[in-house]
Amino acid sequence: MPFNEIPGPTPPQQNRPLPPIIYPASRPEAPTPGAQLEAKVEQLMHELKTAQRPTTAFIAGLVTMLLGSVIWAAISVSSNYQIGYMAIGVGLLVGLAVKKTGHGISTSYGVMSAALALAGCVVGNLFTLIAFAAKQANVGVFEVLPDLNLAAIPQVMMETAKPIDILF
């Protein structure tokens, strides 16, 4: 007897429906744990994005940057030494202020923090130079401001900059 003629059960016909015992009535499938988790993550991300406050974050970062720059200048003048690593503190304070007040989760908040921190470094150096000039002239800081030559500021900052300032 050839191989293809071996007796045995006949295969079921393709068109014949199977009894309901084998395939019960269709039920709606329950969502998988992965789909549930994905839906929760999407909902949480939507809630976090709607809670973001970019204007509040910018204002808080700007105020913190200015306060940090003033503190930087005050410490530098009181120690009689321009402290470059104070930039780390200004950057940290600005970043925390932007994060806490803006509730930001997007990249734009990091960019905003970095830009404000960089501006804080420049402003901190400027405030320090103004305070040193006032100290040298033996006058108050606010007495120096009216006589400040705005056109000369970039040149003076470049002349007083040190290579380590680039790092900070």
C-alpha atoms as a PDB file:
ATOM      1  CA  MET A   1       0.000   0.000   0.000  1.00  0.00           C
ATOM      2  CA  PRO A   2       1.487   3.364  -0.985  1.00  0.00           C
ATOM      3  CA  PHE A   3       2.229   5.996   1.632  1.00  0.00           C
ATOM      4  CA  ASN A   4      -0.460   8.414   0.573  1.00  0.00           C
ATOM      5  CA  GLU A   5      -3.124   5.729   0.873  1.00  0.00           C
ATOM      6  CA  ILE A   6      -2.617   4.961   4.583  1.00  0.00           C
ATOM      7  CA  PRO A   7      -5.974   4.508   6.263  1.00  0.00           C
ATOM      8  CA  GLY A   8      -6.831   7.004   9.006  1.00  0.00           C
ATOM      9  CA  PRO A   9      -9.193   9.777   9.920  1.00  0.00           C
ATOM     10  CA  THR A  10     -10.270  11.957   7.114  1.00  0.00           C
ATOM     11  CA  PRO A  11      -9.379  15.628   7.416  1.00  0.00           C
ATOM     12  CA  PRO A  12     -12.301  17.971   8.215  1.00  0.00           C
ATOM     13  CA  GLN A  13     -13.816  19.758   5.318  1.00  0.00           C
ATOM     14  CA  GLN A  14     -12.928  23.406   5.003  1.00  0.00           C
ATOM     15  CA  ASN A  15     -16.488  24.671   4.559  1.00  0.00           C
ATOM     16  CA  ARG A  16     -18.133  22.692   7.347  1.00  0.00           C
ATOM     17  CA  PRO A  17     -18.588  24.769  10.574  1.00  0.00           C
ATOM     18  CA  LEU A  18     -17.142  23.353  13.737  1.00  0.00           C
ATOM     19  CA  PRO A  19     -19.481  22.545  16.601  1.00  0.00           C
ATOM     20  CA  PRO A  20     -19.993  25.316  19.170  1.00  0.00           C
ATOM     21  CA  ILE A  21     -18.447  23.187  21.874  1.00  0.00           C
ATOM     22  CA  ILE A  22     -15.066  23.635  20.285  1.00  0.00           C
ATOM     23  CA  TYR A  23     -15.459  27.362  19.463  1.00  0.00           C
ATOM     24  CA  PRO A  24     -17.727  29.141  21.957  1.00  0.00           C
ATOM     25  CA  ALA A  25     -19.673  32.212  21.011  1.00  0.00           C
ATOM     26  CA  SER A  26     -17.432  35.205  20.402  1.00  0.00           C
ATOM     27  CA  ARG A  27     -16.845  37.430  23.423  1.00  0.00           C
ATOM     28  CA  PRO A  28     -15.310  40.863  23.427  1.00  0.00           C
ATOM     29  CA  GLU A  29     -11.641  40.491  24.119  1.00  0.00           C
ATOM     30  CA  ALA A  30     -10.350  42.085  27.310  1.00  0.00           C
ATOM     31  CA  PRO A  31      -7.577  44.638  26.765  1.00  0.00           C
ATOM     32  CA  THR A  32      -4.138  43.218  27.280  1.00  0.00           C
ATOM     33  CA  PRO A  33      -2.026  44.517  30.165  1.00  0.00           C
ATOM     34  CA  GLY A  34       0.286  46.167  27.642  1.00  0.00           C
ATOM     35  CA  ALA A  35      -2.589  48.054  26.034  1.00  0.00           C
ATOM     36  CA  GLN A  36      -3.879  49.159  29.444  1.00  0.00           C
ATOM     37  CA  LEU A  37      -0.435  50.431  30.418  1.00  0.00           C
ATOM     38  CA  GLU A  38      -0.061  52.251  27.110  1.00  0.00           C
ATOM     39  CA  ALA A  39      -3.433  53.958  27.592  1.00  0.00           C
ATOM     40  CA  LYS A  40      -2.467  55.036  31.124  1.00  0.00           C
ATOM     41  CA  VAL A  41       0.875  56.416  29.896  1.00  0.00           C
ATOM     42  CA  GLU A  42      -0.863  58.370  27.122  1.00  0.00           C
ATOM     43  CA  GLN A  43      -3.358  59.794  29.614  1.00  0.00           C
ATOM     44  CA  LEU A  44      -0.582  60.761  32.042  1.00  0.00           C
ATOM     45  CA  MET A  45       1.462  62.418  29.282  1.00  0.00           C
ATOM     46  CA  HIS A  46      -1.601  64.403  28.197  1.00  0.00           C
ATOM     47  CA  GLU A  47      -2.178  65.565  31.787  1.00  0.00           C
ATOM     48  CA  LEU A  48       1.482  66.545  32.194  1.00  0.00           C
ATOM     49  CA  LYS A  49       1.526  68.454  28.909  1.00  0.00           C
ATOM     50  CA  THR A  50      -1.610  70.401  29.795  1.00  0.00           C
ATOM     51  CA  ALA A  51      -0.100  71.289  33.206  1.00  0.00           C
ATOM     52  CA  GLN A  52       2.945  72.960  31.624  1.00  0.00           C
ATOM     53  CA  ARG A  53       3.310  76.709  32.216  1.00  0.00           C
ATOM     54  CA  PRO A  54       5.995  78.163  29.909  1.00  0.00           C
ATOM     55  CA  THR A  55       5.347  81.825  30.750  1.00  0.00           C
ATOM     56  CA  THR A  56       5.513  81.175  34.483  1.00  0.00           C
ATOM     57  CA  ALA A  57       8.677  79.123  33.982  1.00  0.00           C
ATOM     58  CA  PHE A  58      10.334  81.899  31.977  1.00  0.00           C
ATOM     59  CA  ILE A  59       9.472  84.613  34.506  1.00  0.00           C
ATOM     60  CA  ALA A  60      10.662  82.479  37.424  1.00  0.00           C
ATOM     61  CA  GLY A  61      13.863  81.592  35.550  1.00  0.00           C
ATOM     62  CA  LEU A  62      14.516  85.244  34.680  1.00  0.00           C
ATOM     63  CA  VAL A  63      13.999  86.428  38.263  1.00  0.00           C
ATOM     64  CA  THR A  64      16.170  83.603  39.599  1.00  0.00           C
ATOM     65  CA  MET A  65      18.852  84.405  37.028  1.00  0.00           C
ATOM     66  CA  LEU A  66      18.932  88.052  38.081  1.00  0.00           C
ATOM     67  CA  LEU A  67      19.000  87.210  41.792  1.00  0.00           C
ATOM     68  CA  GLY A  68      21.712  84.612  41.233  1.00  0.00           C
ATOM     69  CA  SER A  69      23.765  87.134  39.257  1.00  0.00           C
ATOM     70  CA  VAL A  70      23.480  89.720  42.036  1.00  0.00           C
ATOM     71  CA  ILE A  71      24.512  87.128  44.634  1.00  0.00           C
ATOM     72  CA  TRP A  72      27.425  86.100  42.380  1.00  0.00           C
ATOM     73  CA  ALA A  73      28.601  89.714  42.136  1.00  0.00           C
ATOM     74  CA  ALA A  74      28.189  90.273  45.880  1.00  0.00           C
ATOM     75  CA  ILE A  75      30.237  87.182  46.763  1.00  0.00           C
ATOM     76  CA  SER A  76      32.886  88.044  44.180  1.00  0.00           C
ATOM     77  CA  VAL A  77      33.265  91.614  45.427  1.00  0.00           C
ATOM     78  CA  SER A  78      33.227  90.656  49.099  1.00  0.00           C
ATOM     79  CA  SER A  79      35.912  88.012  48.502  1.00  0.00           C
ATOM     80  CA  ASN A  80      37.794  90.399  46.182  1.00  0.00           C
ATOM     81  CA  TYR A  81      38.009  87.604  43.630  1.00  0.00           C
ATOM     82  CA  GLN A  82      35.868  86.911  40.550  1.00  0.00           C
ATOM     83  CA  ILE A  83      34.607  83.399  41.131  1.00  0.00           C
ATOM     84  CA  GLY A  84      33.846  81.659  37.838  1.00  0.00           C
ATOM     85  CA  TYR A  85      32.381  78.502  39.260  1.00  0.00           C
ATOM     86  CA  MET A  86      29.495  80.484  40.711  1.00  0.00           C
ATOM     87  CA  ALA A  87      28.033  79.912  37.243  1.00  0.00           C
ATOM     88  CA  ILE A  88      27.220  76.346  38.284  1.00  0.00           C
ATOM     89  CA  GLY A  89      25.115  77.669  41.141  1.00  0.00           C
ATOM     90  CA  VAL A  90      23.310  80.152  38.909  1.00  0.00           C
ATOM     91  CA  GLY A  91      22.611  77.428  36.353  1.00  0.00           C
ATOM     92  CA  LEU A  92      21.349  75.036  39.012  1.00  0.00           C
ATOM     93  CA  LEU A  93      19.059  77.655  40.550  1.00  0.00           C
ATOM     94  CA  VAL A  94      17.672  78.690  37.175  1.00  0.00           C
ATOM     95  CA  GLY A  95      17.058  75.089  36.137  1.00  0.00           C
ATOM     96  CA  LEU A  96      15.259  74.292  39.380  1.00  0.00           C
ATOM     97  CA  ALA A  97      13.126  77.423  39.147  1.00  0.00           C
ATOM     98  CA  VAL A  98      12.079  76.650  35.568  1.00  0.00           C
ATOM     99  CA  LYS A  99      11.346  73.011  36.384  1.00  0.00           C
ATOM    100  CA  LYS A 100       9.374  73.660  39.578  1.00  0.00           C
ATOM    101  CA  THR A 101       7.269  76.574  38.376  1.00  0.00           C
ATOM    102  CA  GLY A 102       6.740  75.533  34.772  1.00  0.00           C
ATOM    103  CA  HIS A 103       6.062  71.819  35.303  1.00  0.00           C
ATOM    104  CA  GLY A 104       7.844  71.308  32.013  1.00  0.00           C
ATOM    105  CA  ILE A 105       8.456  67.929  30.458  1.00  0.00           C
ATOM    106  CA  SER A 106       9.379  68.992  26.932  1.00  0.00           C
ATOM    107  CA  THR A 107      12.835  69.799  25.621  1.00  0.00           C
ATOM    108  CA  SER A 108      11.985  73.472  25.278  1.00  0.00           C
ATOM    109  CA  TYR A 109      12.164  73.851  29.062  1.00  0.00           C
ATOM    110  CA  GLY A 110      15.723  72.544  29.085  1.00  0.00           C
ATOM    111  CA  VAL A 111      16.662  74.919  26.279  1.00  0.00           C
ATOM    112  CA  MET A 112      15.009  77.796  28.160  1.00  0.00           C
ATOM    113  CA  SER A 113      16.911  76.897  31.334  1.00  0.00           C
ATOM    114  CA  ALA A 114      20.224  76.671  29.492  1.00  0.00           C
ATOM    115  CA  ALA A 115      19.706  80.018  27.724  1.00  0.00           C
ATOM    116  CA  LEU A 116      18.746  81.763  30.967  1.00  0.00           C
ATOM    117  CA  ALA A 117      21.688  80.176  32.797  1.00  0.00           C
ATOM    118  CA  LEU A 118      24.089  81.356  30.077  1.00  0.00           C
ATOM    119  CA  ALA A 119      22.595  84.837  30.232  1.00  0.00           C
ATOM    120  CA  GLY A 120      22.971  84.654  34.017  1.00  0.00           C
ATOM    121  CA  CYS A 121      26.677  83.959  33.631  1.00  0.00           C
ATOM    122  CA  VAL A 122      27.142  86.985  31.391  1.00  0.00           C
ATOM    123  CA  VAL A 123      25.026  89.188  33.654  1.00  0.00           C
ATOM    124  CA  GLY A 124      26.853  87.874  36.738  1.00  0.00           C
ATOM    125  CA  ASN A 125      30.195  88.830  35.203  1.00  0.00           C
ATOM    126  CA  LEU A 126      28.799  92.225  34.204  1.00  0.00           C
ATOM    127  CA  PHE A 127      27.432  92.896  37.700  1.00  0.00           C
ATOM    128  CA  THR A 128      30.779  91.843  39.156  1.00  0.00           C
ATOM    129  CA  LEU A 129      32.671  94.255  36.876  1.00  0.00           C
ATOM    130  CA  ILE A 130      30.297  97.092  37.775  1.00  0.00           C
ATOM    131  CA  ALA A 131      30.650  96.328  41.490  1.00  0.00           C
ATOM    132  CA  PHE A 132      34.463  96.204  41.217  1.00  0.00           C
ATOM    133  CA  ALA A 133      34.431  99.550  39.356  1.00  0.00           C
ATOM    134  CA  ALA A 134      32.243 101.062  42.081  1.00  0.00           C
ATOM    135  CA  LYS A 135      34.532  99.670  44.775  1.00  0.00           C
ATOM    136  CA  GLN A 136      37.626 101.028  43.016  1.00  0.00           C
ATOM    137  CA  ALA A 137      36.021 104.470  42.618  1.00  0.00           C
ATOM    138  CA  ASN A 138      34.871 104.286  46.231  1.00  0.00           C
ATOM    139  CA  VAL A 139      31.265 105.021  45.284  1.00  0.00           C
ATOM    140  CA  GLY A 140      28.016 103.082  45.376  1.00  0.00           C
ATOM    141  CA  VAL A 141      27.024 100.712  42.573  1.00  0.00           C
ATOM    142  CA  PHE A 142      24.036 102.849  41.638  1.00  0.00           C
ATOM    143  CA  GLU A 143      26.292 105.891  41.276  1.00  0.00           C
ATOM    144  CA  VAL A 144      28.343 104.052  38.623  1.00  0.00           C
ATOM    145  CA  LEU A 145      25.346 103.016  36.516  1.00  0.00           C
ATOM    146  CA  PRO A 146      24.534 106.445  34.984  1.00  0.00           C
ATOM    147  CA  ASP A 147      28.125 106.792  33.798  1.00  0.00           C
ATOM    148  CA  LEU A 148      28.261 103.275  32.356  1.00  0.00           C
ATOM    149  CA  ASN A 149      29.448 103.233  28.732  1.00  0.00           C
ATOM    150  CA  LEU A 150      27.276 100.517  27.175  1.00  0.00           C
ATOM    151  CA  ALA A 151      29.389 100.386  24.010  1.00  0.00           C
ATOM    152  CA  ALA A 152      32.503  99.542  26.020  1.00  0.00           C
ATOM    153  CA  ILE A 153      30.946  96.641  27.958  1.00  0.00           C
ATOM    154  CA  PRO A 154      31.723  93.881  25.403  1.00  0.00           C
ATOM    155  CA  GLN A 155      35.352  95.008  25.095  1.00  0.00           C
ATOM    156  CA  VAL A 156      35.837  95.219  28.871  1.00  0.00           C
ATOM    157  CA  MET A 157      34.250  91.790  29.362  1.00  0.00           C
ATOM    158  CA  MET A 158      36.528  90.289  26.700  1.00  0.00           C
ATOM    159  CA  GLU A 159      39.607  91.864  28.302  1.00  0.00           C
ATOM    160  CA  THR A 160      38.710  90.576  31.763  1.00  0.00           C
ATOM    161  CA  ALA A 161      37.684  87.111  30.591  1.00  0.00           C
ATOM    162  CA  LYS A 162      39.936  84.174  31.375  1.00  0.00           C
ATOM    163  CA  PRO A 163      40.110  80.830  29.546  1.00  0.00           C
ATOM    164  CA  ILE A 164      38.475  79.091  32.504  1.00  0.00           C
ATOM    165  CA  ASP A 165      35.392  81.313  32.019  1.00  0.00           C
ATOM    166  CA  ILE A 166      34.558  79.314  28.885  1.00  0.00           C
ATOM    167  CA  LEU A 167      34.241  76.182  31.011  1.00  0.00           C
ATOM    168  CA  PHE A 168      31.845  77.818  33.411  1.00  0.00           C
END
